[in-house]
Protein backbone atom coordinates (compact mmCIF):
# COMPACT_ATOMS: atom_id res chain seq x y z
CA MET A 1 144.28 71.99 126.67
CA LEU A 2 141.20 74.15 126.99
CA GLY A 3 141.64 75.39 130.48
CA PHE A 4 139.89 78.49 131.77
CA SER A 5 142.12 81.26 132.99
CA ILE A 6 141.52 84.83 134.10
CA PRO A 7 143.09 86.40 130.94
CA LYS A 8 140.94 84.23 128.64
CA ILE A 9 137.74 85.07 130.54
CA LEU A 10 138.58 88.80 130.54
CA LEU A 11 139.35 88.68 126.81
CA LEU A 12 136.03 86.96 126.14
CA ILE A 13 134.13 89.56 128.19
CA PHE A 14 135.98 92.36 126.38
CA ILE A 15 135.07 90.91 122.94
CA ILE A 16 131.43 90.49 123.98
CA LEU A 17 131.29 94.11 125.17
CA ILE A 18 132.82 95.40 121.92
CA VAL A 19 130.27 93.51 119.83
CA TRP A 20 127.39 94.62 122.09
CA TYR A 21 128.31 98.32 121.96
CA GLY A 22 128.97 98.06 118.23
CA PHE A 23 125.41 96.84 117.66
CA LYS A 24 124.07 99.61 119.91
CA VAL A 25 125.87 102.24 117.80
CA ILE A 26 124.58 100.72 114.56
CA GLU A 27 121.01 100.57 115.93
CA LYS A 28 121.21 104.20 117.07
CA ARG A 29 122.33 105.32 113.59
CA THR A 30 119.50 103.38 111.99
CA SER A 31 116.89 104.89 114.31
CA MET A 32 118.30 108.39 113.68
CA LYS A 33 117.99 107.90 109.92
CA LYS A 34 114.41 106.67 110.30
CA SER A 35 113.45 109.62 112.50
CA ARG A 36 115.01 112.06 110.02
CA SER A 37 113.12 110.53 107.12
CA SER A 38 109.86 110.60 109.09
CA ASP A 39 110.52 114.29 109.93
CA VAL A 40 111.00 115.03 106.24
CA ASN A 41 107.83 113.13 105.35
CA SER A 42 105.81 114.94 108.01
CA ALA A 43 107.19 118.27 106.79
CA ASN A 44 106.12 117.39 103.25
CA GLU A 45 102.65 116.42 104.45
CA SER A 46 102.18 119.73 106.24
CA SER A 47 102.71 121.73 103.07
CA LYS A 48 101.31 125.24 102.82
CA PHE A 49 99.63 124.22 99.55
CA LYS A 50 96.43 122.29 100.10
CA ASP A 51 94.63 120.20 97.50
CA ASP A 52 91.77 122.71 97.43
CA ASP A 53 94.09 125.62 96.56
CA ILE A 54 95.45 124.02 93.39
CA GLN A 55 93.93 125.17 90.10
CA ASP A 56 94.77 124.37 86.52
CA LEU A 57 95.55 127.35 84.32
CA GLU A 58 94.14 127.98 80.87
CA LYS A 59 96.20 129.13 77.92
CA CYS A 60 95.16 132.27 76.06
CA PRO A 61 94.77 131.50 72.34
CA LYS A 62 95.91 135.02 71.35
CA CYS A 63 99.05 135.66 73.40
CA ASN A 64 99.81 132.17 74.83
CA ASN A 65 99.70 133.57 78.36
CA TYR A 66 98.30 131.38 81.15
CA PHE A 67 95.51 132.62 83.42
CA ILE A 68 93.03 131.36 86.03
CA PRO A 69 89.88 129.80 84.53
CA GLY A 70 86.84 132.03 84.86
CA SER A 71 88.84 135.25 84.49
CA GLU A 72 90.22 137.06 81.47
CA CYS A 73 93.79 137.11 80.24
CA THR A 74 95.74 139.97 81.86
CA GLU A 75 98.02 140.40 78.84
CA CYS A 76 95.25 140.78 76.28
CA ASN A 77 93.03 142.82 78.64
CA PRO A 78 95.44 144.80 80.87
CA ASN A 79 92.69 147.17 82.17
CA LYS A 80 90.84 144.40 83.99
């Protein structure tokens, strides 16, 4: 029949503890992955390049060199 005995109760407690600690390990791994990904995202957000520092370059029609708009090509005009 379904009688309760000390070995059955101890086995049940042991199984419950294994499942409980297994879920704790899985939850810890998940939280570690989330914290790593948030660290990577925060590192990407604190980039040394700001939106204001980005400029598009213009292509020189003579030598196909790229230069900053508002200045002259350094390949065609090396003295400046």
